Amino acid sequence: MDWVPIVFVTFKALALGIAMFFAIKWHYDQGEKADTRALLRTGGKMAAVFALALLGVVLFAFVLSSTLGLDLSFP
């Protein structure tokens, strides 16, 4: 078995695990100092932006697939 994928996957998992730990710790520490109302308002804005972006990607995929002649009808 080749050792390169094992080393790289292990390194990637370790690096991402450490990064996630510090990111969660930093956000938790920032959340203790922040106002709850401001956090909820920001969370709502981010959810709305995400929903609009998701809608845009779905519409783009349907327009592109119908332009390319793919059959999108349900059986």
Protein backbone atom coordinates (compact mmCIF):
# COMPACT_ATOMS: atom_id res chain seq x y z
CA MET A 1 0.00 0.00 0.00
CA ASP A 2 1.20 3.47 -0.82
CA TRP A 3 2.07 5.51 2.28
CA VAL A 4 1.54 8.98 0.78
CA PRO A 5 -2.31 9.03 0.97
CA ILE A 6 -2.20 7.74 4.54
CA VAL A 7 0.21 10.48 5.63
CA PHE A 8 -1.61 13.25 3.78
CA VAL A 9 -5.09 12.22 4.99
CA THR A 10 -3.81 11.94 8.55
CA PHE A 11 -2.14 15.35 8.32
CA LYS A 12 -5.25 16.91 6.79
CA ALA A 13 -7.53 15.45 9.46
CA LEU A 14 -5.17 16.63 12.21
CA ALA A 15 -4.80 20.14 10.75
CA LEU A 16 -8.55 20.54 10.19
CA GLY A 17 -9.29 19.22 13.68
CA ILE A 18 -6.92 21.72 15.28
CA ALA A 19 -8.29 24.56 13.12
CA MET A 20 -11.89 23.66 14.02
CA PHE A 21 -11.02 23.56 17.72
CA PHE A 22 -9.49 27.03 17.68
CA ALA A 23 -12.27 28.43 15.45
CA ILE A 24 -14.96 27.14 17.80
CA LYS A 25 -13.03 28.39 20.83
CA TRP A 26 -12.58 31.86 19.29
CA HIS A 27 -16.25 32.13 18.31
CA TYR A 28 -17.33 30.97 21.75
CA ASP A 29 -15.11 33.59 23.39
CA GLN A 30 -16.46 36.29 21.06
CA GLY A 31 -20.03 35.19 21.77
CA GLU A 32 -19.60 35.78 25.49
CA LYS A 33 -18.80 39.44 24.82
CA ALA A 34 -21.43 40.09 22.15
CA ASP A 35 -25.04 41.21 22.47
CA THR A 36 -27.61 38.44 21.97
CA ARG A 37 -29.89 40.62 19.83
CA ALA A 38 -27.03 41.51 17.49
CA LEU A 39 -26.06 37.86 17.18
CA LEU A 40 -29.61 36.85 16.27
CA ARG A 41 -29.88 39.68 13.74
CA THR A 42 -26.58 38.66 12.12
CA GLY A 43 -27.62 35.01 12.11
CA GLY A 44 -30.88 35.88 10.39
CA LYS A 45 -29.07 37.91 7.76
CA MET A 46 -26.65 35.08 7.09
CA ALA A 47 -29.51 32.58 6.80
CA ALA A 48 -31.29 34.85 4.31
CA VAL A 49 -28.13 35.30 2.24
CA PHE A 50 -27.57 31.54 2.26
CA ALA A 51 -31.15 30.86 1.16
CA LEU A 52 -30.89 33.40 -1.67
CA ALA A 53 -27.56 31.97 -2.79
CA LEU A 54 -29.00 28.44 -2.74
CA LEU A 55 -32.01 29.58 -4.76
CA GLY A 56 -29.69 31.25 -7.27
CA VAL A 57 -27.57 28.12 -7.68
CA VAL A 58 -30.67 25.94 -8.15
CA LEU A 59 -32.14 28.30 -10.74
CA PHE A 60 -28.80 28.53 -12.54
CA ALA A 61 -28.53 24.73 -12.61
CA PHE A 62 -32.04 24.34 -14.05
CA VAL A 63 -31.52 27.04 -16.68
CA LEU A 64 -28.15 25.61 -17.69
CA SER A 65 -29.45 22.04 -17.84
CA SER A 66 -32.48 23.00 -19.91
CA THR A 67 -30.26 25.06 -22.21
CA LEU A 68 -28.06 22.03 -22.74
CA GLY A 69 -31.14 19.96 -23.59
CA LEU A 70 -31.30 17.74 -20.53
CA ASP A 71 -34.69 16.22 -19.69
CA LEU A 72 -35.82 17.52 -16.30
CA SER A 73 -39.34 16.09 -16.28
CA PHE A 74 -40.44 13.65 -13.61
CA PRO A 75 -41.43 10.17 -14.81
